[in-house]
């Protein structure tokens, strides 16, 4: 079957699946098909168009990009979430609240599950054909490094330690009793030289057990219970901070979302494992984020065994006044050693919505809120310094191996969906259409003083000079912005028009994208 024929068949199958899902959800409502099909036809039409367009752009209908169960799951979930998100955004913009939430969300959920089941069966049958597909290597090469590869390139596993001094046998015994001899040995290798009689070893999920520690302050606190089970995690980390002296250490562990996925997929047989993971993804990762499904999430899970990404775990610690010292995969967990450097920072709340307001340097050096769709894991804003320290910058000035970006967030950036809320800034008047990029405080401080002083005299823009000149490094980016500002001073309107069309030429024909 050639690619064109495969895509046509996939498109037809996809719209049939969506229509069946819509009819199922309308049928189960008390008023039935006669009431809900006519009243929700506009919703279905808009969703169907977006469903197909996003599927085509994201590669859900591309045979060369659906090569195994993982790629099927990623493409289907990301495409469908983007489709329903745009539909919901349009409903909000036009203030059309007359549609049933059961039909709207149920149609997407049922269609997604049907696609995963049918797609999994097809891949299981045709797996050899996909594996031998002539362009397979083309899509495999640019894969992101796994979190195991990223962490192993850092100073984990005790490799940055001095010779391990004799550790208090009581501490070793306490760790062995909870974690076993093998894991205890790995933990001691990671933390050993800093352990002393002022070390506390716990396995707890409650703030009370931290606050109730007998000493006023400690030099090291070790908690062997994974932080996924701590319901009020920010409060817990704050309590640990207050029990540590300045430059004291906190050791904790987490089952990251990638480890969780690997565990679930390994636990069940093929096809069934992705079906189970789909339900787990919906209950554990989507339900907690939506206001009207959060109570159901708490009823089903009691808040236990929460899904936490590596980025979120590190970000929560940094918000709590810690600096990440080292990471290491020990057993089935990611273990983190963090050093107290300050009191806890103010939090952004327990829940992160789909639209975020990022603090950025605007005109006259004032901090402005730049609105975007969330494409990063929660608490990612607190580890920007850490990302820069361990990974530096790649060509184009972006952070290299930025593990803070979610899978669907990466797709949103490729098709510019994350930039839609930025038009709010355009209407508010603190940004213009073309101009220098609005920078975070950390990134702004990487610039030369001359460039800093020059660029704060202008409003930042939605379309930066970067996309016109395509500079490769930070120095080139600064030179590009200075060239734009020189031209803007002489011919403001002409310069913005020229940069606007040149940028979009590069975006459309030279694949200039955010990453």
Protein backbone atom coordinates (compact mmCIF):
# COMPACT_ATOMS: atom_id res chain seq x y z
CA UNK A 1 0.00 0.00 0.00
CA UNK A 2 1.54 3.36 -1.03
CA UNK A 3 1.65 6.36 1.31
CA UNK A 4 -1.10 8.30 -0.49
CA UNK A 5 -3.54 5.41 -0.41
CA UNK A 6 -2.68 4.74 3.25
CA UNK A 7 -3.39 8.37 4.13
CA UNK A 8 -6.76 8.40 2.31
CA UNK A 9 -7.87 5.21 4.03
CA UNK A 10 -6.67 6.57 7.39
CA UNK A 11 -8.59 9.82 6.89
CA UNK A 12 -11.79 7.98 6.06
CA UNK A 13 -11.36 5.58 8.99
CA UNK A 14 -10.62 8.48 11.34
CA UNK A 15 -13.75 10.45 10.45
CA UNK A 16 -15.87 7.28 10.68
CA UNK A 17 -14.46 6.58 14.17
CA UNK A 18 -15.16 10.17 15.22
CA UNK A 19 -18.74 10.00 13.87
CA UNK A 20 -19.41 6.69 15.64
CA UNK A 21 -18.05 8.13 18.89
CA UNK A 22 -20.27 11.19 18.53
CA UNK A 23 -23.35 9.04 17.90
CA UNK A 24 -22.54 6.80 20.89
CA UNK A 25 -22.31 9.78 23.25
CA UNK A 26 -25.49 11.35 21.85
CA UNK A 27 -27.32 8.01 22.14
CA UNK A 28 -26.48 7.47 25.83
CA UNK A 29 -27.92 10.89 26.77
CA UNK A 30 -31.52 10.73 28.07
CA UNK A 31 -32.90 12.83 25.18
CA UNK A 32 -31.23 10.52 22.65
CA UNK A 33 -30.04 10.95 19.07
CA UNK A 34 -33.02 13.01 17.89
CA UNK A 35 -32.22 15.83 20.31
CA UNK A 36 -28.43 15.85 20.38
CA UNK A 37 -27.46 15.18 16.76
CA UNK A 38 -29.13 18.35 15.39
CA UNK A 39 -28.20 20.54 18.36
CA UNK A 40 -24.54 19.44 18.32
CA UNK A 41 -23.98 19.26 14.56
CA UNK A 42 -21.97 22.52 14.54
CA UNK A 43 -19.71 21.19 17.30
CA UNK A 44 -19.17 17.94 15.42
CA UNK A 45 -18.44 19.74 12.14
CA UNK A 46 -15.82 22.03 13.70
CA UNK A 47 -14.24 19.18 15.63
CA UNK A 48 -14.14 16.95 12.53
CA UNK A 49 -12.35 19.59 10.44
CA UNK A 50 -9.81 20.32 13.18
CA UNK A 51 -9.45 16.60 13.89
CA UNK A 52 -8.37 15.90 10.32
CA UNK A 53 -6.18 19.00 9.90
CA UNK A 54 -4.25 18.45 13.10
CA UNK A 55 -3.91 14.75 12.31
CA UNK A 56 -2.34 15.57 8.95
CA UNK A 57 0.01 18.23 10.34
CA UNK A 58 1.05 16.17 13.36
CA UNK A 59 1.73 13.02 11.33
CA UNK A 60 -1.08 10.83 12.67
CA UNK A 61 -1.98 9.98 9.08
CA UNK A 62 1.63 9.51 7.97
CA UNK A 63 2.72 5.93 7.53
CA UNK A 64 6.40 6.82 8.01
CA UNK A 65 5.76 8.35 11.44
CA UNK A 66 3.53 5.59 12.83
CA UNK A 67 6.17 2.89 13.11
CA UNK A 68 5.41 1.21 16.45
CA UNK A 69 3.08 1.28 19.46
CA UNK A 70 4.90 4.20 21.08
CA UNK A 71 4.67 6.43 18.01
CA UNK A 72 0.99 5.47 17.57
CA UNK A 73 0.20 6.40 21.17
CA UNK A 74 2.11 9.70 21.01
CA UNK A 75 0.60 10.83 17.70
CA UNK A 76 -2.98 9.86 18.55
CA UNK A 77 -3.00 11.36 22.05
CA UNK A 78 -1.21 14.60 21.10
CA UNK A 79 -3.29 15.15 17.94
CA UNK A 80 -6.61 14.56 19.69
CA UNK A 81 -5.79 16.74 22.69
CA UNK A 82 -4.80 19.59 20.38
CA UNK A 83 -8.00 19.17 18.34
CA UNK A 84 -10.37 19.27 21.32
CA UNK A 85 -8.34 22.12 22.88
CA UNK A 86 -8.76 24.30 19.79
CA UNK A 87 -12.45 23.40 19.62
CA UNK A 88 -12.92 24.34 23.28
CA UNK A 89 -11.02 27.59 22.70
CA UNK A 90 -13.31 28.48 19.80
CA UNK A 91 -16.37 27.69 21.92
CA UNK A 92 -15.01 30.00 24.61
CA UNK A 93 -14.22 32.80 22.14
CA UNK A 94 -17.71 32.70 20.63
CA UNK A 95 -19.31 32.20 24.08
CA UNK A 96 -21.14 29.12 22.88
CA UNK A 97 -21.74 27.20 26.12
CA UNK A 98 -24.86 25.31 25.03
CA UNK A 99 -23.08 22.06 24.20
CA UNK A 100 -23.15 19.08 26.56
CA UNK A 101 -19.80 18.47 28.25
CA UNK A 102 -20.57 14.76 28.24
CA UNK A 103 -20.96 14.76 24.46
CA UNK A 104 -17.98 17.08 23.84
CA UNK A 105 -15.45 15.29 26.05
CA UNK A 106 -16.98 11.85 25.61
CA UNK A 107 -16.73 12.01 21.81
CA UNK A 108 -13.01 12.79 22.06
CA UNK A 109 -12.36 10.13 24.69
CA UNK A 110 -14.24 7.33 22.90
CA UNK A 111 -12.67 8.23 19.53
CA UNK A 112 -9.20 8.23 21.07
CA UNK A 113 -9.68 4.82 22.67
CA UNK A 114 -11.10 3.37 19.44
CA UNK A 115 -8.16 4.75 17.44
CA UNK A 116 -5.67 3.29 19.90
CA UNK A 117 -7.32 -0.12 19.89
CA UNK A 118 -7.73 -0.30 16.09
CA UNK A 119 -4.28 1.17 15.49
CA UNK A 120 -2.65 -1.25 17.93
CA UNK A 121 -4.28 -4.24 16.24
CA UNK A 122 -3.18 -2.99 12.81
CA UNK A 123 0.42 -2.39 13.93
CA UNK A 124 0.57 -5.81 15.58
CA UNK A 125 -0.49 -7.31 12.24
CA UNK A 126 1.73 -5.14 10.05
CA UNK A 127 4.65 -4.59 12.38
CA UNK A 128 7.24 -6.10 10.07
CA UNK A 129 6.14 -3.79 7.22
CA UNK A 130 6.50 -0.72 9.40
CA UNK A 131 9.84 -1.88 10.76
CA UNK A 132 11.19 -2.29 7.25
CA UNK A 133 9.73 0.95 5.97
CA UNK A 134 12.33 2.62 3.75
CA UNK A 135 12.21 5.96 5.58
CA UNK A 136 12.27 4.52 9.10
CA UNK A 137 15.80 5.76 9.85
CA UNK A 138 14.83 9.25 8.73
CA UNK A 139 12.32 9.50 11.56
CA UNK A 140 14.33 7.58 14.14
CA UNK A 141 17.53 9.65 14.09
CA UNK A 142 16.32 12.94 15.56
CA UNK A 143 14.77 11.32 18.66
CA UNK A 144 15.23 13.11 21.97
CA UNK A 145 17.64 11.47 24.42
CA UNK A 146 15.88 9.56 27.19
CA UNK A 147 15.95 10.82 30.76
CA UNK A 148 18.22 7.88 31.62
CA UNK A 149 20.76 9.09 29.05
CA UNK A 150 20.49 12.69 30.26
CA UNK A 151 20.92 11.80 33.94
CA UNK A 152 23.79 9.38 33.28
CA UNK A 153 25.68 12.21 31.58
CA UNK A 154 25.51 14.21 34.84
CA UNK A 155 27.46 13.69 38.04
CA UNK A 156 25.19 11.05 39.52
CA UNK A 157 25.85 7.67 41.11
CA UNK A 158 28.35 9.20 43.55
CA UNK A 159 30.91 9.86 40.82
CA UNK A 160 31.45 13.42 42.05
CA UNK A 161 32.05 12.32 45.66
CA UNK A 162 35.28 12.23 47.54
CA UNK A 163 36.41 8.98 49.14
CA UNK A 164 33.52 7.82 51.29
CA UNK A 165 34.37 8.33 54.96
CA UNK A 166 33.13 5.96 57.61
CA UNK A 167 29.39 6.49 57.95
CA UNK A 168 27.48 6.09 61.19
CA UNK A 169 26.34 2.41 61.29
CA UNK A 170 22.97 3.53 62.63
CA UNK A 171 22.33 5.55 59.47
CA UNK A 172 23.31 2.63 57.24
CA UNK A 173 21.10 0.26 59.25
CA UNK A 174 18.11 2.62 58.99
CA UNK A 175 18.47 2.91 55.21
CA UNK A 176 18.99 -0.85 54.76
CA UNK A 177 15.90 -1.63 56.84
CA UNK A 178 13.68 0.48 54.59
CA UNK A 179 15.35 0.17 51.17
CA UNK A 180 17.41 -3.05 51.28
CA UNK A 181 21.21 -3.52 51.26
CA UNK A 182 21.71 -2.96 47.52
CA UNK A 183 19.86 0.36 47.38
CA UNK A 184 21.38 1.39 50.72
CA UNK A 185 24.85 0.92 49.26
CA UNK A 186 23.98 3.07 46.25
CA UNK A 187 22.49 5.80 48.45
CA UNK A 188 25.52 5.83 50.76
CA UNK A 189 27.81 6.11 47.74
CA UNK A 190 25.78 9.11 46.58
CA UNK A 191 25.51 10.85 49.95
CA UNK A 192 28.14 9.29 52.23
CA UNK A 193 30.74 12.02 52.93
CA UNK A 194 28.11 14.46 54.14
CA UNK A 195 26.26 12.18 56.57
CA UNK A 196 26.84 12.84 60.26
CA UNK A 197 25.18 12.54 63.66
CA UNK A 198 22.92 15.43 62.56
CA UNK A 199 21.40 13.33 59.77
CA UNK A 200 17.73 12.31 59.89
CA UNK A 201 16.53 9.23 57.96
CA UNK A 202 12.77 8.90 57.40
CA UNK A 203 10.25 7.13 55.21
CA UNK A 204 7.22 9.40 55.46
CA UNK A 205 4.58 11.25 53.49
CA UNK A 206 3.37 13.66 56.18
CA UNK A 207 4.48 17.15 57.13
CA UNK A 208 3.87 16.25 60.79
CA UNK A 209 6.73 13.75 60.85
CA UNK A 210 9.11 16.38 59.48
CA UNK A 211 8.03 19.12 61.89
CA UNK A 212 8.17 16.65 64.81
CA UNK A 213 11.85 15.79 64.34
CA UNK A 214 13.53 16.32 67.74
CA UNK A 215 16.38 18.61 66.68
CA UNK A 216 15.81 22.21 65.64
CA UNK A 217 17.96 21.86 62.49
CA UNK A 218 19.82 19.13 60.63
CA UNK A 219 22.67 19.03 58.14
CA UNK A 220 21.07 16.22 56.09
CA UNK A 221 17.55 14.83 55.80
CA UNK A 222 16.93 11.61 53.87
CA UNK A 223 13.36 10.61 52.97
CA UNK A 224 13.14 7.14 51.42
CA UNK A 225 9.41 7.33 50.57
CA UNK A 226 8.84 8.37 46.97
CA UNK A 227 7.44 11.88 46.67
CA UNK A 228 4.64 10.61 44.38
CA UNK A 229 2.77 9.55 47.55
CA UNK A 230 3.04 12.93 49.31
CA UNK A 231 -0.28 14.74 48.89
CA UNK A 232 0.82 18.25 49.92
CA UNK A 233 4.25 18.09 48.35
CA UNK A 234 5.05 21.81 48.38
CA UNK A 235 4.20 22.06 52.07
CA UNK A 236 6.30 18.96 52.75
CA UNK A 237 9.34 20.42 50.96
CA UNK A 238 8.89 23.73 52.79
CA UNK A 239 8.88 21.85 56.11
CA UNK A 240 12.11 20.05 55.16
CA UNK A 241 13.66 23.40 54.23
CA UNK A 242 12.85 24.85 57.66
CA UNK A 243 14.41 21.82 59.38
CA UNK A 244 17.70 22.13 57.49
CA UNK A 245 20.45 24.60 58.21
CA UNK A 246 21.65 26.76 55.30
CA UNK A 247 23.72 24.62 52.89
CA UNK A 248 22.18 21.49 54.39
CA UNK A 249 21.14 18.62 52.11
CA UNK A 250 17.88 16.86 51.28
CA UNK A 251 17.77 13.44 49.63
CA UNK A 252 14.52 12.17 48.07
CA UNK A 253 13.33 9.84 45.33
CA UNK A 254 10.58 9.87 42.70
CA UNK A 255 9.09 7.52 40.14
CA UNK A 256 9.14 9.73 37.04
CA UNK A 257 6.37 9.66 34.46
CA UNK A 258 8.72 7.92 32.00
CA UNK A 259 9.56 5.24 34.55
CA UNK A 260 5.86 4.80 35.30
CA UNK A 261 5.05 4.38 31.61
CA UNK A 262 7.85 1.83 31.18
CA UNK A 263 6.62 -0.11 34.23
CA UNK A 264 3.01 -0.25 33.02
CA UNK A 265 3.93 -1.24 29.46
CA UNK A 266 6.18 -4.00 30.77
CA UNK A 267 3.55 -5.28 33.20
CA UNK A 268 0.87 -6.07 30.58
CA UNK A 269 1.05 -7.92 27.22
CA UNK A 270 1.25 -5.95 23.93
CA UNK A 271 -1.90 -4.07 22.87
CA UNK A 272 -3.45 -4.49 26.32
CA UNK A 273 -0.58 -2.53 27.86
CA UNK A 274 -1.31 0.54 25.71
CA UNK A 275 -5.04 0.29 26.39
CA UNK A 276 -4.36 0.19 30.14
CA UNK A 277 -1.83 3.02 29.84
CA UNK A 278 -4.41 5.11 27.95
CA UNK A 279 -6.84 4.84 30.87
CA UNK A 280 -4.02 5.54 33.32
CA UNK A 281 -3.00 8.62 31.30
CA UNK A 282 -6.54 9.98 31.31
CA UNK A 283 -7.22 9.36 35.02
CA UNK A 284 -3.79 10.28 36.38
CA UNK A 285 -2.71 13.09 34.07
CA UNK A 286 -5.79 14.67 32.48
CA UNK A 287 -8.36 14.44 35.28
CA UNK A 288 -6.20 16.30 37.86
CA UNK A 289 -5.71 19.22 35.44
CA UNK A 290 -9.39 19.90 34.73
CA UNK A 291 -11.54 21.61 37.34
CA UNK A 292 -14.66 19.54 36.73
CA UNK A 293 -12.81 16.18 36.73
CA UNK A 294 -10.46 16.88 39.65
CA UNK A 295 -13.01 15.76 42.30
CA UNK A 296 -13.45 12.45 40.43
CA UNK A 297 -9.65 12.05 40.32
CA UNK A 298 -9.44 12.49 44.10
CA UNK A 299 -12.28 10.00 44.65
CA UNK A 300 -10.62 7.38 42.44
CA UNK A 301 -7.02 7.81 43.64
CA UNK A 302 -7.22 9.67 47.00
CA UNK A 303 -4.29 11.67 45.61
CA UNK A 304 -1.90 8.72 46.01
CA UNK A 305 0.80 7.68 43.56
CA UNK A 306 0.62 10.90 41.56
CA UNK A 307 2.34 11.10 38.17
CA UNK A 308 5.36 13.42 38.44
CA UNK A 309 7.80 14.18 35.64
CA UNK A 310 11.51 14.59 36.24
CA UNK A 311 11.15 18.30 35.43
CA UNK A 312 8.35 18.74 37.98
CA UNK A 313 10.28 16.92 40.72
CA UNK A 314 13.36 19.10 40.18
CA UNK A 315 11.23 22.23 39.84
CA UNK A 316 9.39 21.63 43.11
CA UNK A 317 12.70 21.25 44.94
CA UNK A 318 14.11 24.44 43.41
CA UNK A 319 10.94 26.33 44.34
CA UNK A 320 11.42 25.02 47.86
CA UNK A 321 14.74 26.84 48.16
CA UNK A 322 17.04 24.04 47.00
CA UNK A 323 19.67 23.74 44.29
CA UNK A 324 19.98 20.38 42.55
CA UNK A 325 23.37 18.87 43.31
CA UNK A 326 23.12 15.47 41.68
CA UNK A 327 20.66 12.94 40.24
CA UNK A 328 20.95 9.19 39.91
CA UNK A 329 18.68 6.32 38.90
CA UNK A 330 18.76 3.81 41.75
CA UNK A 331 16.49 0.80 41.45
CA UNK A 332 13.12 1.88 40.07
CA UNK A 333 13.40 5.48 41.19
CA UNK A 334 15.21 8.68 40.31
CA UNK A 335 17.10 9.79 43.42
CA UNK A 336 17.88 13.47 43.87
CA UNK A 337 20.28 15.22 46.21
CA UNK A 338 19.49 18.92 46.73
CA UNK A 339 21.27 21.63 48.72
CA UNK A 340 19.42 24.32 50.67
CA UNK A 341 20.38 27.77 49.39
CA UNK A 342 17.46 29.94 50.53
CA UNK A 343 14.01 29.99 52.06
CA UNK A 344 11.19 28.59 49.88
CA UNK A 345 10.02 30.76 46.99
CA UNK A 346 6.34 31.74 46.53
CA UNK A 347 4.44 29.05 44.65
CA UNK A 348 2.20 29.40 41.60
CA UNK A 349 -0.61 27.37 43.12
CA UNK A 350 -1.22 23.64 43.16
CA UNK A 351 -2.71 23.42 39.67
CA UNK A 352 -1.38 24.60 36.36
CA UNK A 353 -3.93 25.59 33.72
CA UNK A 354 -3.53 25.33 29.94
CA UNK A 355 -2.73 29.06 29.57
CA UNK A 356 0.20 30.51 31.52
CA UNK A 357 1.50 34.02 32.09
CA UNK A 358 5.31 34.12 31.88
CA UNK A 359 7.25 37.01 33.46
CA UNK A 360 9.33 38.63 30.71
CA UNK A 361 11.45 41.78 30.34
CA UNK A 362 9.49 44.42 28.39
CA UNK A 363 9.96 48.05 27.41
CA UNK A 364 11.88 50.21 29.91
CA UNK A 365 12.96 47.02 31.69
CA UNK A 366 9.50 46.50 33.19
CA UNK A 367 8.29 42.97 33.81
CA UNK A 368 5.30 42.06 31.64
CA UNK A 369 3.14 38.95 31.52
CA UNK A 370 3.46 37.08 28.23
CA UNK A 371 0.58 34.64 27.66
CA UNK A 372 1.15 31.23 26.07
CA UNK A 373 -0.30 27.75 26.02
CA UNK A 374 1.53 25.58 28.52
CA UNK A 375 4.03 23.37 26.69
CA UNK A 376 6.23 22.49 29.66
CA UNK A 377 5.79 20.32 32.72
CA UNK A 378 4.59 22.07 35.91
CA UNK A 379 7.27 23.90 37.92
CA UNK A 380 9.60 24.01 34.89
CA UNK A 381 10.06 27.75 35.34
CA UNK A 382 12.07 27.13 38.52
CA UNK A 383 14.83 25.06 36.85
CA UNK A 384 15.84 27.33 33.97
CA UNK A 385 19.19 28.05 35.67
CA UNK A 386 19.74 24.31 36.17
CA UNK A 387 18.97 23.52 32.52
CA UNK A 388 21.46 26.18 31.40
CA UNK A 389 24.13 24.91 33.82
CA UNK A 390 23.97 21.24 32.81
CA UNK A 391 23.03 21.53 29.11
CA UNK A 392 23.96 25.05 27.93
CA UNK A 393 22.50 26.39 24.65
CA UNK A 394 22.11 24.74 21.25
CA UNK A 395 22.21 26.35 17.80
CA UNK A 396 19.52 29.01 17.60
CA UNK A 397 19.88 30.05 21.25
CA UNK A 398 17.43 27.50 22.71
CA UNK A 399 18.35 25.29 25.66
CA UNK A 400 19.94 22.02 24.60
CA UNK A 401 18.14 18.77 25.56
CA UNK A 402 15.37 20.72 27.29
CA UNK A 403 13.49 17.90 29.04
CA UNK A 404 10.96 20.39 30.45
CA UNK A 405 8.95 20.35 27.20
CA UNK A 406 6.09 17.86 27.06
CA UNK A 407 5.46 15.63 24.03
CA UNK A 408 2.27 17.43 23.02
CA UNK A 409 3.98 20.75 23.84
CA UNK A 410 6.65 19.99 21.28
CA UNK A 411 3.91 19.46 18.69
CA UNK A 412 2.19 22.72 19.69
CA UNK A 413 5.44 24.60 19.19
CA UNK A 414 5.96 23.12 15.75
CA UNK A 415 2.56 24.31 14.53
CA UNK A 416 2.65 27.58 16.53
CA UNK A 417 -0.41 26.69 18.58
CA UNK A 418 1.36 27.75 21.79
CA UNK A 419 1.69 31.32 20.47
CA UNK A 420 -2.06 31.98 20.05
CA UNK A 421 -2.60 33.49 23.54
CA UNK A 422 0.27 35.93 22.83
CA UNK A 423 -2.20 38.00 20.81
CA UNK A 424 -3.60 39.05 24.20
CA UNK A 425 -0.33 40.96 24.70
CA UNK A 426 -0.82 42.58 21.30
CA UNK A 427 -4.27 43.80 22.32
CA UNK A 428 -2.99 44.95 25.73
CA UNK A 429 -0.34 47.05 23.98
CA UNK A 430 2.77 45.76 25.76
CA UNK A 431 3.97 43.90 22.64
CA UNK A 432 3.91 44.59 18.92
CA UNK A 433 3.71 42.32 15.90
CA UNK A 434 7.44 42.39 14.99
CA UNK A 435 10.19 43.08 17.51
CA UNK A 436 12.90 41.64 19.73
CA UNK A 437 11.92 38.53 21.64
CA UNK A 438 10.56 39.05 25.20
CA UNK A 439 13.17 37.39 27.42
CA UNK A 440 13.10 35.85 30.87
CA UNK A 441 15.28 37.51 33.50
CA UNK A 442 17.81 34.65 33.37
CA UNK A 443 18.09 34.71 29.58
CA UNK A 444 18.20 38.52 29.55
CA UNK A 445 21.20 38.46 31.88
CA UNK A 446 23.11 36.31 29.38
CA UNK A 447 23.10 39.23 26.94
CA UNK A 448 25.88 41.82 26.75
CA UNK A 449 25.23 44.99 28.75
CA UNK A 450 25.18 47.10 25.58
CA UNK A 451 22.46 44.96 24.02
CA UNK A 452 20.46 44.89 27.28
CA UNK A 453 20.43 48.68 27.51
CA UNK A 454 19.46 49.05 23.85
CA UNK A 455 16.66 46.51 23.58
CA UNK A 456 14.67 47.74 26.63
CA UNK A 457 13.97 50.97 24.74
CA UNK A 458 11.56 49.06 22.46
CA UNK A 459 8.45 46.94 22.83
CA UNK A 460 9.14 43.23 22.33
CA UNK A 461 7.43 41.52 19.41
CA UNK A 462 5.50 38.39 18.52
CA UNK A 463 7.74 37.74 15.48
CA UNK A 464 11.39 38.25 16.47
CA UNK A 465 14.31 39.02 14.08
CA UNK A 466 15.61 35.51 14.77
CA UNK A 467 13.28 34.00 12.15
CA UNK A 468 14.50 36.43 9.49
CA UNK A 469 18.26 36.05 10.07
CA UNK A 470 18.35 32.50 11.52
CA UNK A 471 21.39 33.09 13.81
CA UNK A 472 23.15 30.02 15.19
CA UNK A 473 24.36 31.10 18.66
CA UNK A 474 23.83 33.69 21.36
CA UNK A 475 26.35 36.17 19.93
CA UNK A 476 24.73 35.92 16.50
CA UNK A 477 21.28 36.42 18.04
CA UNK A 478 22.43 39.61 19.72
CA UNK A 479 24.00 40.86 16.46
CA UNK A 480 20.74 40.06 14.62
CA UNK A 481 18.68 42.05 17.13
CA UNK A 482 21.04 45.02 17.00
CA UNK A 483 20.84 45.03 13.20
CA UNK A 484 17.05 44.99 13.38
CA UNK A 485 16.96 47.86 15.91
CA UNK A 486 19.35 49.95 13.78
CA UNK A 487 17.09 49.47 10.77
CA UNK A 488 13.94 50.10 12.86
CA UNK A 489 15.29 53.45 14.06
CA UNK A 490 15.59 54.66 10.46
CA UNK A 491 12.50 53.09 8.86
CA UNK A 492 10.10 51.63 11.51
CA UNK A 493 7.18 50.53 9.32
CA UNK A 494 9.25 49.37 6.36
CA UNK A 495 11.58 47.40 8.64
CA UNK A 496 8.73 45.55 10.39
CA UNK A 497 7.03 44.74 7.07
CA UNK A 498 10.29 43.42 5.60
CA UNK A 499 11.14 41.34 8.69
CA UNK A 500 7.58 40.01 8.94
CA UNK A 501 7.50 38.59 5.40
CA UNK A 502 11.09 37.35 5.51
CA UNK A 503 10.39 35.54 8.79
CA UNK A 504 7.31 33.82 7.41
CA UNK A 505 9.21 32.85 4.26
CA UNK A 506 11.79 31.09 6.44
CA UNK A 507 9.08 29.52 8.58
CA UNK A 508 7.15 28.12 5.61
CA UNK A 509 10.01 27.14 3.29
CA UNK A 510 13.11 26.78 5.48
CA UNK A 511 11.42 25.03 8.44
CA UNK A 512 12.25 27.68 11.05
CA UNK A 513 10.45 26.47 14.17
CA UNK A 514 10.51 26.73 17.94
CA UNK A 515 11.90 23.64 19.59
